[in-house]
Amino acid sequence: MRKLLLGSVALFALSVGSPAVAADMPVKARPAPPPPIYNWSGCYFGGFVGYATGRTDVHYGTTTPDIFPFVGGSQATDDIHLSGATGGFNGGCQYQAGWWLIGVEVDGSALNKSGQRREYFPFDNFIVDVKETWLATARLRLGLTWDKWLFYVTGGGAWARFDVANWLITTPAIATHDVQTRSGWVVGVGTEYALGYGWSLKSEFLYVEFERARYLPLPNVTEADFDIRVRNFISRVGLNYKFDWGKAPVAVMAKY
């Protein structure tokens, strides 16, 4: 009887004390979820600054070389090297699927590029001056994303304003010029890094080419008509702000 009573008391004590002991035991914390993977889908707007260099080759026109026929179509000057600062604005929209991204971008920039050379004989008392004052492009972007990093290639059309002048070395005040807007093409590469809160920092390099075109800075002297081809090399950095089409960025979370 005494043994039965002692056993009952011990069993009761264990049943009462077990929840308290379990409550005091440390609980293993669940692992924290990984940070969300950045999503680049959306439209954006931003600005940029940079530096542009270029090379211009100048040939005489071939339409009516009646005074000095041997110069028609020949090279008029050494290559004219253009350089100057640039700055402007850009905007675009893009869509990310997995690691890949496709988008479109347009931009417009002011340019401060100019250069000049003396003509060859028999016009070696003349100076040819070429200026490029603005540039606009419309491009596709194809990119590869890595969380907050974006690496892309780009290409499309380009438009620029050129001012070609020609004057006598002894009397530069009577310079005449021809101003034209030309179309060309552009290719490039770039990288972009998401800073957070919609902002991203980008860096890109563009090659822009404008095929040979006819300029008529001195219409009364046929040999002063020039065929000019321009190639640009542009490096620039910029800051973009991305809008998310009215919804928060998609976050990819691991499941446990």
Foldseek 3Di string as FASTA:
>chain_A
DVVVVVVVVVVVVCVVCVVVVVVPDDDDDDDDWDFFFFFPFFKKKWKKKWKKKKKKWKAFDQDPQPPPNVRHGPTWFPIWIKIWIKMWMKIWGWHDDVQKIKIKMKIKMFTFIKTKGATDPPRRQKMKIKGWTMKMWIKMWIWGHDRQKIKIKMKGKMKTKMKIWMDGNVCVVPIFIFIDIFMWMKIWIKMWGDPDPQKIKIKIKMKIWTAWDWICRDVVNSRPIITMIMIMIIIMMMMMGGDDVPDDTDTDIDDD
